[in-house]
Amino acid sequence: MQDFLNGVCTHIIWLTKQKLTYYTGNFDTYTKTVRENEVIQQKKYEKEQDDIKHLKAFISSCGKPLVPVSAQLTAVSNCTLCHAPL
């Protein structure tokens, strides 16, 4: 069957996830391209997961701020050095 498709097909249209993907070449070229795209997609996914893991570790290493932001804003607004004399 594969030899027949290689001899007959010059273009392949693949419908997946309600999206048409066009491939040129014979059936062997199509299968090779699909495998390569799957490997690329898997590498992208793994890198994205590593980035997420790294960001979560960084955020958790920062911990909570010692002084709440609202207290910091109050301290800055009450600072006499921050305001020009009237």
N, C-alpha and C. Protein backbone atom coordinates (compact mmCIF):
# COMPACT_ATOMS: atom_id res chain seq x y z
N MET A 1 0.82 -1.20 0.00
CA MET A 1 0.00 0.00 0.00
C MET A 1 0.87 1.26 0.00
N GLN A 2 1.93 1.25 0.82
CA GLN A 2 2.80 2.42 0.91
C GLN A 2 3.50 2.68 -0.42
N ASP A 3 3.93 1.65 -1.11
CA ASP A 3 4.56 1.82 -2.42
C ASP A 3 3.58 2.42 -3.42
N PHE A 4 2.34 1.98 -3.34
CA PHE A 4 1.30 2.54 -4.22
C PHE A 4 1.12 4.02 -3.95
N LEU A 5 1.00 4.40 -2.67
CA LEU A 5 0.82 5.81 -2.31
C LEU A 5 2.03 6.65 -2.71
N ASN A 6 3.23 6.10 -2.57
CA ASN A 6 4.43 6.82 -2.99
C ASN A 6 4.43 7.09 -4.49
N GLY A 7 3.92 6.15 -5.26
CA GLY A 7 3.89 6.30 -6.70
C GLY A 7 2.78 7.20 -7.20
N VAL A 8 1.70 7.31 -6.44
CA VAL A 8 0.52 8.04 -6.91
C VAL A 8 0.43 9.44 -6.32
N CYS A 9 0.74 9.59 -5.04
CA CYS A 9 0.52 10.86 -4.35
C CYS A 9 1.64 11.85 -4.61
N THR A 10 1.24 13.10 -4.88
CA THR A 10 2.20 14.20 -4.96
C THR A 10 1.86 15.29 -3.94
N HIS A 11 0.63 15.27 -3.47
CA HIS A 11 0.17 16.22 -2.45
C HIS A 11 -0.73 15.47 -1.48
N ILE A 12 -0.58 15.77 -0.20
CA ILE A 12 -1.42 15.14 0.82
C ILE A 12 -2.02 16.24 1.68
N ILE A 13 -3.30 16.12 1.94
CA ILE A 13 -4.00 17.05 2.82
C ILE A 13 -4.44 16.25 4.03
N TRP A 14 -4.04 16.72 5.21
CA TRP A 14 -4.34 16.01 6.45
C TRP A 14 -5.27 16.86 7.29
N LEU A 15 -6.42 16.30 7.66
CA LEU A 15 -7.39 16.99 8.50
C LEU A 15 -7.21 16.51 9.93
N THR A 16 -6.82 17.42 10.81
CA THR A 16 -6.68 17.10 12.22
C THR A 16 -7.06 18.31 13.05
N LYS A 17 -7.81 18.06 14.11
CA LYS A 17 -8.29 19.13 15.00
C LYS A 17 -8.97 20.24 14.22
N GLN A 18 -9.79 19.87 13.28
CA GLN A 18 -10.57 20.78 12.44
C GLN A 18 -9.68 21.76 11.68
N LYS A 19 -8.47 21.31 11.31
CA LYS A 19 -7.54 22.14 10.56
C LYS A 19 -6.93 21.30 9.44
N LEU A 20 -6.87 21.89 8.24
CA LEU A 20 -6.26 21.21 7.11
C LEU A 20 -4.79 21.58 7.03
N THR A 21 -3.94 20.57 6.89
CA THR A 21 -2.51 20.79 6.72
C THR A 21 -2.11 20.18 5.39
N TYR A 22 -1.41 20.97 4.57
CA TYR A 22 -1.02 20.53 3.23
C TYR A 22 0.44 20.09 3.22
N TYR A 23 0.69 18.96 2.61
CA TYR A 23 2.04 18.42 2.46
C TYR A 23 2.28 18.13 0.99
N THR A 24 3.49 18.46 0.51
CA THR A 24 3.86 18.12 -0.85
C THR A 24 4.83 16.95 -0.81
N GLY A 25 4.87 16.20 -1.88
CA GLY A 25 5.76 15.05 -1.94
C GLY A 25 4.97 13.77 -1.81
N ASN A 26 5.69 12.67 -1.80
CA ASN A 26 5.03 11.37 -1.71
C ASN A 26 4.70 11.01 -0.26
N PHE A 27 4.21 9.80 -0.06
CA PHE A 27 3.77 9.38 1.27
C PHE A 27 4.92 9.29 2.26
N ASP A 28 6.09 8.83 1.81
CA ASP A 28 7.26 8.76 2.70
C ASP A 28 7.67 10.16 3.18
N THR A 29 7.63 11.13 2.30
CA THR A 29 7.96 12.51 2.68
C THR A 29 6.96 13.03 3.70
N TYR A 30 5.71 12.72 3.48
CA TYR A 30 4.65 13.13 4.41
C TYR A 30 4.89 12.55 5.80
N THR A 31 5.15 11.24 5.89
CA THR A 31 5.34 10.62 7.21
C THR A 31 6.59 11.16 7.90
N LYS A 32 7.66 11.39 7.13
CA LYS A 32 8.88 11.95 7.70
C LYS A 32 8.63 13.36 8.25
N THR A 33 7.92 14.18 7.49
CA THR A 33 7.63 15.56 7.91
C THR A 33 6.76 15.58 9.15
N VAL A 34 5.76 14.71 9.19
CA VAL A 34 4.87 14.64 10.36
C VAL A 34 5.66 14.24 11.61
N ARG A 35 6.54 13.25 11.48
CA ARG A 35 7.38 12.83 12.63
C ARG A 35 8.28 13.96 13.10
N GLU A 36 8.89 14.67 12.16
CA GLU A 36 9.76 15.80 12.52
C GLU A 36 8.97 16.89 13.24
N ASN A 37 7.78 17.19 12.74
CA ASN A 37 6.94 18.21 13.39
C ASN A 37 6.53 17.78 14.80
N GLU A 38 6.26 16.49 14.99
CA GLU A 38 5.91 15.99 16.32
C GLU A 38 7.08 16.13 17.29
N VAL A 39 8.30 15.85 16.82
CA VAL A 39 9.49 15.99 17.66
C VAL A 39 9.70 17.45 18.03
N ILE A 40 9.55 18.34 17.06
CA ILE A 40 9.70 19.78 17.33
C ILE A 40 8.67 20.24 18.34
N GLN A 41 7.42 19.81 18.17
CA GLN A 41 6.35 20.20 19.11
C GLN A 41 6.63 19.67 20.51
N GLN A 42 7.13 18.45 20.61
CA GLN A 42 7.44 17.86 21.92
C GLN A 42 8.56 18.65 22.60
N LYS A 43 9.58 19.04 21.84
CA LYS A 43 10.68 19.83 22.41
C LYS A 43 10.19 21.20 22.88
N LYS A 44 9.31 21.83 22.11
CA LYS A 44 8.73 23.11 22.53
C LYS A 44 7.96 22.95 23.83
N TYR A 45 7.17 21.89 23.92
CA TYR A 45 6.37 21.64 25.12
C TYR A 45 7.28 21.42 26.33
N GLU A 46 8.33 20.60 26.16
CA GLU A 46 9.24 20.34 27.28
C GLU A 46 9.97 21.61 27.72
N LYS A 47 10.37 22.44 26.77
CA LYS A 47 11.02 23.70 27.13
C LYS A 47 10.06 24.62 27.88
N GLU A 48 8.83 24.67 27.41
CA GLU A 48 7.82 25.50 28.08
C GLU A 48 7.60 25.01 29.51
N GLN A 49 7.52 23.69 29.70
CA GLN A 49 7.33 23.15 31.04
C GLN A 49 8.54 23.44 31.94
N ASP A 50 9.75 23.37 31.38
CA ASP A 50 10.95 23.71 32.14
C ASP A 50 10.94 25.19 32.54
N ASP A 51 10.52 26.06 31.62
CA ASP A 51 10.43 27.49 31.93
C ASP A 51 9.42 27.75 33.04
N ILE A 52 8.28 27.08 32.98
CA ILE A 52 7.26 27.24 34.01
C ILE A 52 7.80 26.77 35.36
N LYS A 53 8.47 25.63 35.36
CA LYS A 53 9.04 25.09 36.59
C LYS A 53 10.08 26.06 37.17
N HIS A 54 10.92 26.61 36.31
CA HIS A 54 11.94 27.57 36.75
C HIS A 54 11.30 28.82 37.33
N LEU A 55 10.28 29.35 36.66
CA LEU A 55 9.61 30.56 37.15
C LEU A 55 8.92 30.31 38.49
N LYS A 56 8.28 29.15 38.63
CA LYS A 56 7.62 28.83 39.90
C LYS A 56 8.65 28.72 41.02
N ALA A 57 9.80 28.11 40.73
CA ALA A 57 10.85 27.99 41.74
C ALA A 57 11.39 29.36 42.12
N PHE A 58 11.55 30.23 41.13
CA PHE A 58 12.05 31.58 41.41
C PHE A 58 11.05 32.36 42.26
N ILE A 59 9.78 32.27 41.91
CA ILE A 59 8.75 32.99 42.67
C ILE A 59 8.68 32.48 44.10
N SER A 60 8.73 31.17 44.27
CA SER A 60 8.65 30.62 45.62
C SER A 60 9.91 30.94 46.42
N SER A 61 11.06 31.11 45.76
CA SER A 61 12.29 31.44 46.49
C SER A 61 12.29 32.87 46.99
N CYS A 62 11.50 33.71 46.36
CA CYS A 62 11.43 35.12 46.78
C CYS A 62 10.68 35.26 48.10
N GLY A 63 9.74 34.40 48.34
CA GLY A 63 8.97 34.45 49.57
C GLY A 63 8.07 35.67 49.63
N LYS A 64 7.53 35.91 50.81
CA LYS A 64 6.65 37.06 51.00
C LYS A 64 7.50 38.27 51.36
N PRO A 65 7.09 39.47 50.94
CA PRO A 65 7.84 40.66 51.34
C PRO A 65 7.72 40.87 52.85
N LEU A 66 8.76 41.41 53.46
CA LEU A 66 8.77 41.62 54.90
C LEU A 66 7.75 42.67 55.32
N VAL A 67 7.61 43.72 54.53
CA VAL A 67 6.66 44.79 54.83
C VAL A 67 5.62 44.79 53.72
N PRO A 68 4.34 44.75 54.08
CA PRO A 68 3.30 44.78 53.05
C PRO A 68 3.41 46.04 52.19
N VAL A 69 2.98 45.95 50.94
CA VAL A 69 3.07 47.07 50.01
C VAL A 69 2.30 48.27 50.53
N SER A 70 1.14 48.08 51.14
CA SER A 70 0.36 49.21 51.65
C SER A 70 1.13 49.95 52.73
N ALA A 71 1.87 49.24 53.56
CA ALA A 71 2.68 49.89 54.60
C ALA A 71 3.83 50.67 53.96
N GLN A 72 4.39 50.15 52.90
CA GLN A 72 5.47 50.85 52.21
C GLN A 72 4.95 52.15 51.61
N LEU A 73 3.76 52.12 51.01
CA LEU A 73 3.18 53.33 50.43
C LEU A 73 2.89 54.37 51.50
N THR A 74 2.39 53.93 52.65
CA THR A 74 2.11 54.85 53.75
C THR A 74 3.40 55.49 54.25
N ALA A 75 4.45 54.71 54.38
CA ALA A 75 5.72 55.23 54.86
C ALA A 75 6.27 56.26 53.88
N VAL A 76 6.15 56.01 52.60
CA VAL A 76 6.67 56.95 51.60
C VAL A 76 5.84 58.23 51.61
N SER A 77 4.55 58.13 51.74
CA SER A 77 3.71 59.34 51.72
C SER A 77 3.91 60.16 52.99
N ASN A 78 4.30 59.57 54.11
CA ASN A 78 4.53 60.30 55.36
C ASN A 78 5.97 60.82 55.47
N CYS A 79 6.81 60.49 54.56
CA CYS A 79 8.22 60.86 54.61
C CYS A 79 8.37 62.37 54.40
N THR A 80 9.04 63.04 55.33
CA THR A 80 9.22 64.49 55.21
C THR A 80 10.27 64.84 54.16
N LEU A 81 11.19 63.93 53.88
CA LEU A 81 12.21 64.20 52.87
C LEU A 81 11.64 64.11 51.46
N CYS A 82 10.51 63.43 51.32
CA CYS A 82 9.90 63.25 50.01
C CYS A 82 9.08 64.46 49.58
N HIS A 83 8.62 65.26 50.54
CA HIS A 83 7.75 66.38 50.23
C HIS A 83 8.54 67.69 50.26
N ALA A 84 8.24 68.56 49.35
CA ALA A 84 8.88 69.87 49.34
C ALA A 84 8.27 70.72 50.45
N PRO A 85 9.06 71.57 51.10
CA PRO A 85 8.50 72.41 52.17
C PRO A 85 7.49 73.40 51.58
N LEU A 86 6.49 73.70 52.37
CA LEU A 86 5.42 74.60 51.91
C LEU A 86 5.73 76.03 52.15
